[in-house]
Protein backbone atom coordinates (compact mmCIF):
# COMPACT_ATOMS: atom_id res chain seq x y z
CA MET A 1 -12.80 21.08 9.38
CA LYS A 2 -13.31 21.06 5.64
CA TRP A 3 -11.18 18.75 3.50
CA LYS A 4 -8.58 20.58 1.44
CA LYS A 5 -7.08 19.10 -1.71
CA ASP A 6 -3.26 18.99 -1.81
CA PRO A 7 -1.86 18.36 -5.33
CA TYR A 8 1.52 17.30 -3.91
CA PHE A 9 0.20 14.25 -2.08
CA ASP A 10 -2.26 13.43 -4.89
CA SER A 11 0.67 13.20 -7.35
CA ILE A 12 2.85 10.64 -5.55
CA ASP A 13 2.79 7.64 -7.90
CA HIS A 14 3.84 4.89 -5.52
CA ILE A 15 0.96 5.75 -3.19
CA HIS A 16 -1.83 5.79 -5.74
CA LYS A 17 -0.54 3.03 -8.03
CA SER A 18 -0.15 0.71 -5.08
CA ILE A 19 -3.79 -0.41 -5.47
CA ASP A 20 -3.04 -1.84 -8.94
CA LEU A 21 0.49 -2.95 -8.07
CA LYS A 22 -0.65 -5.40 -5.38
CA PRO A 23 -2.58 -7.75 -7.76
CA ILE A 24 0.25 -7.40 -10.31
CA CYS A 25 2.77 -8.62 -7.72
CA CYS A 26 0.46 -11.47 -6.64
CA LEU A 27 0.15 -12.70 -10.23
CA LYS A 28 3.86 -12.16 -10.78
CA ASP A 29 4.61 -14.39 -7.79
CA VAL A 30 2.36 -17.19 -9.13
CA ILE A 31 4.28 -17.16 -12.42
CA ALA A 32 7.73 -16.80 -10.81
CA ARG A 33 7.09 -19.75 -8.44
CA ASN A 34 6.12 -22.10 -11.30
CA PRO A 35 9.09 -24.37 -12.13
CA ASN A 36 8.64 -23.61 -15.84
CA GLY A 37 8.45 -19.83 -15.31
CA CYS A 38 5.14 -19.66 -17.20
CA ILE A 39 1.48 -20.59 -16.66
CA PRO A 40 -1.64 -21.17 -18.78
CA ILE A 41 -4.36 -18.61 -18.26
CA SER A 42 -6.56 -21.41 -16.84
CA ASP A 43 -4.34 -21.47 -13.72
CA VAL A 44 -5.50 -18.00 -12.65
CA SER A 45 -8.58 -17.17 -14.72
CA LYS A 46 -11.04 -18.06 -11.93
CA ARG A 47 -8.97 -16.57 -9.10
CA GLY A 48 -9.72 -12.89 -9.75
CA LEU A 49 -11.36 -12.42 -6.36
CA GLU A 50 -8.29 -13.86 -4.63
CA PHE A 51 -6.01 -11.42 -6.43
CA ASP A 52 -8.47 -8.49 -6.03
CA VAL A 53 -8.74 -8.19 -9.83
CA LYS A 54 -12.11 -6.71 -10.79
CA ILE A 55 -11.97 -7.55 -14.51
CA LYS A 56 -11.13 -10.76 -16.35
CA VAL A 57 -7.66 -11.87 -15.32
CA ALA A 58 -6.46 -12.35 -18.90
CA ARG A 59 -7.52 -8.77 -19.75
CA PHE A 60 -5.76 -7.52 -16.59
CA LEU A 61 -2.51 -9.28 -17.60
CA ARG A 62 -2.67 -7.84 -21.07
CA GLN A 63 -2.83 -4.34 -19.65
CA TYR A 64 0.81 -4.71 -18.54
CA PRO A 65 2.85 -6.01 -21.52
CA SER A 66 6.10 -4.74 -20.02
CA ILE A 67 5.57 -7.14 -17.09
CA PHE A 68 3.60 -10.08 -18.52
CA GLU A 69 4.45 -11.60 -21.90
CA GLU A 70 1.70 -13.55 -23.68
CA PHE A 71 2.32 -16.51 -26.02
CA THR A 72 0.35 -19.45 -27.41
CA GLY A 73 0.61 -22.59 -25.34
CA PRO A 74 1.62 -26.06 -26.49
CA GLN A 75 -1.95 -27.43 -26.44
CA TYR A 76 -5.34 -26.19 -27.67
CA ASN A 77 -3.89 -22.77 -28.63
CA LEU A 78 -4.58 -21.45 -25.14
CA PRO A 79 -2.89 -18.20 -24.03
CA TRP A 80 0.00 -18.61 -21.66
CA PHE A 81 1.88 -15.93 -19.72
CA ARG A 82 5.47 -15.49 -18.56
CA LEU A 83 7.38 -12.58 -17.06
CA THR A 84 9.32 -10.24 -19.32
CA PRO A 85 13.13 -10.19 -18.83
CA GLU A 86 12.79 -6.82 -17.03
CA ALA A 87 10.23 -8.20 -14.59
CA VAL A 88 12.30 -11.33 -14.01
CA GLU A 89 15.31 -9.18 -13.04
CA ILE A 90 13.25 -7.05 -10.62
CA ASP A 91 11.75 -10.20 -9.07
CA ARG A 92 15.26 -11.54 -8.45
CA GLU A 93 16.29 -8.24 -6.92
CA GLU A 94 13.19 -8.29 -4.70
CA ARG A 95 14.02 -11.77 -3.37
CA ARG A 96 17.63 -10.73 -2.70
CA LEU A 97 16.46 -7.66 -0.86
CA PHE A 98 14.08 -9.67 1.25
CA GLU A 99 16.95 -11.94 2.38
CA ASP A 100 19.23 -9.00 3.02
CA CYS A 101 16.62 -7.01 4.96
CA LYS A 102 14.79 -9.89 6.62
CA GLU A 103 15.72 -8.69 10.09
CA ASP A 104 14.38 -5.18 9.42
CA LEU A 105 11.10 -6.52 7.91
CA ARG A 106 10.69 -8.99 10.77
CA GLU A 107 11.19 -6.13 13.24
CA ARG A 108 8.37 -4.17 11.60
CA LEU A 109 6.04 -7.13 11.97
CA LYS A 110 7.10 -7.48 15.58
CA LYS A 111 6.28 -3.84 16.33
CA PHE A 112 2.90 -4.18 14.57
CA ILE A 113 1.99 -7.08 16.87
CA LEU A 114 3.35 -5.37 20.00
CA MET A 115 0.97 -2.43 19.46
CA SER A 116 -2.02 -4.76 19.82
CA ARG A 117 -3.97 -5.05 23.06
CA GLU A 118 -2.83 -8.59 23.93
CA LYS A 119 0.52 -8.57 22.07
CA MET A 120 -0.97 -11.17 19.74
CA LEU A 121 -3.03 -11.06 16.51
CA PRO A 122 -4.96 -13.54 14.39
CA LEU A 123 -3.04 -14.78 11.39
CA LYS A 124 -5.81 -13.56 9.08
CA ILE A 125 -5.32 -9.98 10.34
CA ILE A 126 -1.55 -10.18 9.84
CA GLN A 127 -2.05 -11.70 6.38
CA GLY A 128 -4.18 -8.69 5.41
CA MET A 129 -1.36 -6.29 6.42
CA LEU A 130 1.61 -8.09 4.82
CA TRP A 131 1.42 -5.92 1.71
CA TYR A 132 1.63 -2.70 3.73
CA LEU A 133 4.46 -4.09 5.89
CA GLY A 134 6.44 -5.07 2.77
CA LEU A 135 6.43 -8.81 3.48
CA PRO A 136 5.85 -11.55 0.86
CA GLU A 137 2.35 -12.97 0.60
CA ASP A 138 3.65 -16.44 1.55
CA PHE A 139 5.56 -15.16 4.57
CA LEU A 140 3.36 -16.91 7.15
CA GLU A 141 3.46 -20.20 5.22
CA HIS A 142 7.16 -20.72 6.26
CA PRO A 143 7.35 -19.71 9.97
CA GLU A 144 10.44 -21.81 10.62
CA GLU A 145 12.35 -19.79 8.02
CA ASN A 146 10.89 -16.33 8.54
CA LEU A 147 10.24 -16.00 12.31
CA ASP A 148 12.73 -15.93 15.16
CA GLY A 149 12.36 -17.07 18.79
CA SER A 150 10.47 -13.97 19.89
CA PHE A 151 7.41 -15.07 17.83
CA LYS A 152 5.01 -17.74 19.08
CA LEU A 153 2.12 -19.43 17.28
CA VAL A 154 -0.95 -19.49 19.58
CA GLU A 155 -4.61 -20.56 19.64
CA LEU A 156 -6.97 -17.62 20.27
CA ASP A 157 -10.25 -17.72 22.26
CA ASP A 158 -12.43 -17.55 19.11
CA GLY A 159 -10.85 -20.64 17.60
CA LEU A 160 -8.53 -18.72 15.33
CA LYS A 161 -4.80 -19.28 15.02
CA GLY A 162 -2.67 -16.32 15.96
CA LEU A 163 0.87 -15.02 16.29
CA ALA A 164 2.20 -13.58 19.54
CA VAL A 165 5.40 -11.71 20.42
CA VAL A 166 7.21 -12.46 23.67
CA SER A 167 9.35 -9.51 24.63
CA GLU A 168 10.20 -7.67 27.87
CA GLU A 169 12.26 -5.07 26.05
CA ARG A 170 10.89 -1.53 25.94
CA VAL A 171 10.09 -0.38 22.42
CA LEU A 172 10.29 3.32 21.56
CA SER A 173 8.06 4.77 18.89
CA VAL A 174 9.47 6.81 15.99
CA LEU A 175 8.10 9.93 17.62
CA GLN A 176 9.89 9.22 20.90
CA ARG A 177 13.21 8.45 19.21
CA ASN A 178 13.10 11.66 17.18
CA ALA A 179 12.14 13.74 20.25
CA MET A 180 15.08 12.19 22.16
CA LYS A 181 17.48 13.14 19.38
CA LYS A 182 16.25 16.71 19.57
CA GLY A 183 16.59 16.75 23.37
CA VAL A 184 12.88 17.57 23.99
CA TYR A 185 11.93 14.17 25.46
CA PHE A 186 13.56 12.20 28.30
CA GLY A 187 11.38 9.13 28.59
CA GLU A 188 9.60 10.17 31.78
CA PRO A 189 6.01 8.93 32.47
CA ARG A 190 3.22 11.13 31.08
CA GLU A 191 5.71 13.39 29.36
CA ALA A 192 4.37 15.48 26.46
CA ILE A 193 5.66 15.15 22.90
CA GLU A 194 4.50 17.43 20.12
CA PHE A 195 3.60 15.99 16.74
CA PRO A 196 5.42 17.59 13.76
CA LEU A 197 2.84 19.63 11.86
CA PHE A 198 2.80 20.20 8.11
CA PRO A 199 -0.13 22.44 7.00
CA SER A 200 -1.23 22.16 3.44
CA LYS A 201 -1.12 25.28 1.32
CA GLY A 202 -4.34 27.20 1.61
CA LEU A 203 -5.59 25.20 4.62
CA ARG A 204 -7.21 27.56 7.12
CA LEU A 205 -8.46 26.40 10.49
CA ARG A 206 -10.92 28.22 12.70
CA ARG A 207 -9.39 30.00 15.68
CA LYS A 208 -11.22 27.74 18.10
CA ILE A 209 -9.75 24.65 16.38
CA GLU A 210 -6.24 26.16 16.28
CA ASP A 211 -6.44 26.86 20.00
CA TRP A 212 -7.58 23.30 20.72
CA LEU A 213 -4.74 21.83 18.62
CA LYS A 214 -2.14 23.96 20.50
CA GLU A 215 -3.46 22.58 23.83
CA PHE A 216 -3.60 19.07 22.34
CA GLN A 217 0.18 19.25 21.65
CA LYS A 218 0.75 19.79 25.41
CA VAL A 219 -1.19 16.66 26.41
CA PRO A 220 0.95 13.73 27.70
CA TYR A 221 2.05 11.29 25.01
CA ILE A 222 1.18 7.62 25.54
CA SER A 223 3.24 5.32 23.29
CA PRO A 224 1.28 2.80 21.22
CA TYR A 225 3.52 0.12 22.80
CA GLU A 226 2.39 1.04 26.36
CA ASP A 227 -0.64 -0.06 28.37
CA TYR A 228 -3.62 2.29 27.73
CA SER A 229 -6.39 0.39 29.57
CA HIS A 230 -6.58 3.10 32.28
CA LEU A 231 -7.34 5.93 29.84
CA ASP A 232 -10.76 7.58 29.63
CA PRO A 233 -11.75 6.92 25.94
CA THR A 234 -13.39 10.35 25.73
CA SER A 235 -10.34 12.28 26.95
CA ASP A 236 -7.76 14.25 24.96
CA ILE A 237 -5.02 11.94 26.21
CA ALA A 238 -6.84 8.95 24.67
CA GLU A 239 -7.18 11.01 21.45
CA LYS A 240 -3.41 11.65 21.50
CA ARG A 241 -2.74 7.98 22.07
CA LEU A 242 -4.87 7.19 19.00
CA VAL A 243 -3.06 9.74 16.81
CA GLY A 244 0.26 8.38 18.08
CA PHE A 245 -0.87 4.85 17.14
CA LEU A 246 -1.82 5.90 13.59
CA HIS A 247 1.47 7.83 13.25
CA GLU A 248 3.54 4.80 14.28
CA LEU A 249 1.49 2.43 12.12
CA LEU A 250 2.01 4.48 8.96
CA CYS A 251 5.71 4.79 9.83
CA LEU A 252 5.94 0.97 9.56
CA PHE A 253 4.23 0.75 6.16
CA VAL A 254 6.06 0.75 2.81
CA GLU A 255 4.34 3.84 1.34
CA HIS A 256 3.64 5.43 4.77
CA SER A 257 0.03 5.36 3.68
CA ALA A 258 -2.93 3.00 3.55
CA GLU A 259 -6.51 2.79 2.32
CA ARG A 260 -8.50 4.09 5.24
CA LYS A 261 -11.13 1.33 5.02
CA LYS A 262 -8.41 -1.35 5.25
CA LEU A 263 -7.52 -0.11 8.75
CA LEU A 264 -11.02 -0.58 10.13
CA CYS A 265 -10.42 -4.32 10.76
CA LEU A 266 -7.79 -3.37 13.39
CA LYS A 267 -10.25 -1.71 15.80
CA LYS A 268 -11.03 -4.80 17.88
CA TYR A 269 -7.42 -5.92 18.38
CA PHE A 270 -5.79 -2.52 18.91
CA GLY A 271 -8.42 -0.96 21.19
CA LEU A 272 -9.39 1.72 18.67
CA PRO A 273 -12.61 3.72 18.98
CA GLN A 274 -15.59 3.07 16.72
CA LYS A 275 -14.99 6.25 14.72
CA VAL A 276 -11.23 5.89 14.41
CA HIS A 277 -11.39 7.15 10.81
CA LYS A 278 -12.43 10.58 12.14
CA ALA A 279 -8.96 11.04 13.66
CA PHE A 280 -7.49 11.58 10.19
CA GLU A 281 -9.99 14.36 9.56
CA ARG A 282 -9.44 16.06 12.92
CA HIS A 283 -5.67 16.31 12.37
CA PRO A 284 -5.14 17.58 8.81
CA ASN A 285 -1.66 18.94 9.68
CA ILE A 286 -0.45 15.38 10.51
CA PHE A 287 -2.38 13.28 7.96
CA TYR A 288 -3.63 13.86 4.45
CA LEU A 289 -6.68 12.09 3.00
CA SER A 290 -6.43 11.52 -0.74
CA LEU A 291 -9.62 10.75 -2.64
CA LYS A 292 -7.95 9.50 -5.83
CA ASN A 293 -8.80 6.08 -7.38
CA LYS A 294 -12.35 6.22 -5.94
CA THR A 295 -11.07 5.41 -2.48
CA CYS A 296 -9.80 7.29 0.59
CA THR A 297 -6.07 6.90 1.29
CA ALA A 298 -4.55 8.17 4.53
CA VAL A 299 -1.03 9.53 4.14
CA LEU A 300 1.44 10.46 6.87
CA LYS A 301 2.66 13.92 5.91
CA GLU A 302 5.88 13.84 7.91
CA ALA A 303 7.21 10.92 5.82
CA TYR A 304 7.21 13.15 2.70
CA ARG A 305 7.70 16.65 4.11
CA ASP A 306 10.63 15.79 6.40
CA LYS A 307 12.33 12.70 5.07
CA SER A 308 15.13 12.84 7.67
CA THR A 309 12.82 11.81 10.59
CA ILE A 310 11.28 8.58 9.23
CA GLU A 311 13.32 5.71 7.87
CA ARG A 312 12.70 4.86 4.22
CA HIS A 313 11.21 1.39 3.83
CA PRO A 314 13.68 -0.92 2.02
CA MET A 315 10.92 -2.35 -0.23
CA LEU A 316 9.92 1.05 -1.64
CA ARG A 317 12.75 1.10 -4.18
CA ILE A 318 11.60 -2.23 -5.61
CA ARG A 319 8.00 -1.16 -5.87
CA ASN A 320 9.04 2.01 -7.71
CA LYS A 321 10.76 -0.21 -10.31
CA TYR A 322 7.56 -2.18 -10.83
CA ILE A 323 5.64 1.08 -11.17
CA ASN A 324 8.08 2.23 -13.86
CA LEU A 325 7.18 -0.93 -15.80
CA MET A 326 3.49 -0.16 -15.33
CA GLN A 327 4.04 3.27 -16.84
CA GLU A 328 6.02 1.71 -19.68
CA SER A 329 3.04 -0.55 -20.35
CA GLU A 330 0.86 2.49 -20.87
CA VAL A 331 3.26 3.72 -23.54
CA ILE A 332 3.36 0.30 -25.31
CA LEU A 333 -0.45 0.04 -25.38
CA LYS A 334 -0.78 3.59 -26.65
CA ARG A 335 1.70 2.88 -29.44
CA ARG A 336 -0.22 -0.28 -30.38
CA ARG A 337 -3.44 1.65 -30.62
CA VAL A 338 -1.84 4.22 -32.91
CA ASN A 339 -0.34 1.58 -35.17
CA ASN A 340 -3.63 -0.36 -35.40
CA ARG A 341 -5.66 2.63 -36.56
CA PRO A 342 -7.60 1.79 -39.77
CA VAL A 343 -6.07 3.33 -42.92
CA GLU A 344 -8.38 5.80 -44.65
CA ARG A 345 -9.23 4.53 -48.17
CA PRO A 346 -9.60 6.99 -51.07
CA LYS A 347 -13.19 7.76 -52.01
CA TYR A 348 -14.26 6.80 -55.54
CA ASP A 349 -17.00 8.40 -57.57
CA LEU A 350 -19.54 5.68 -58.13
CA ASP A 351 -22.01 7.86 -60.05
CA LEU A 352 -23.36 5.76 -62.97
CA ASP A 353 -23.73 8.90 -65.05
CA SER A 354 -20.06 9.81 -64.85
CA GLU A 355 -17.95 10.54 -67.88
CA ASP A 356 -16.07 7.26 -67.51
CA GLU A 357 -19.30 5.32 -67.85
CA GLU A 358 -20.26 7.21 -70.97
CA SER A 359 -16.86 6.49 -72.59
CA VAL A 360 -17.32 2.75 -71.90
CA GLU A 361 -20.71 2.77 -73.64
CA MET A 362 -19.22 4.51 -76.68
CA LEU A 363 -16.68 1.70 -77.02
């Protein structure tokens, strides 16, 4: 199946600006947590790798004047940075939202862990997914405040520390809940559920592939929260379980999308096949692969084509506000470049044989 460009998904700002927004929010948090509300550049200048900033940190901060305000420090004329009043207000709103929606965000983390093979994950894997789940970067540093009794800190076999979820309650996937609402699913074992399909304009599939996809829809649906150890990994039912897992995973994420390469670290702990990335390509009516920003981003089409079926993530509104400030920064920098253009000076005739020169000699 050939990849087909879809301008609609390539134009969604909060998906494609998320790559730059993450380091912005990390640096914003460092400044906001400082008791003085400001930091010298020396505090972060050598931490670019930690924040995933590929250029000098000072230059990166200066790219966003509507978020970071630069001033000269009290000693040695070093540059210091603080948040602009607009960024301070959004940061406060973000913290209030986290407290108000803590239960919802905690439930998303719980579901993420419950989809794993052993119902437990290393802390380093969870830490890498906090941005996608909409949780603060320091979430795991305060387990007594952020986790309830269903979570348990554990030691894993490979010496790593992990987080487990203890729950006997049956968890339904988004797909199951929507199918129940429509009256086409009753929760019986090995019952089929069809995935909502959203073909991109101009996408044409071969007849053989269309026939296979129609039969694939009739295959029994295995929830990502159910045991799958008995499945033949080469069967269509295992393929459907994989697609169901990816569908549920993207439903939990803020932008309902993720860089495809960032999901590869999940293979070991979620029982995913070696070529899990191929599932996005085999199901272009469910997922879209965007190649913007020199990376491959997997997008769940249903979240944007039928917004009534997938719950909007509470953190998305906050991130859109930060993105508006990013766009405002582009305007500010453009205005500065225009104002700093060199003024064209009038050209003077410096010919020594000019009439003016002759008149001087006559005097």
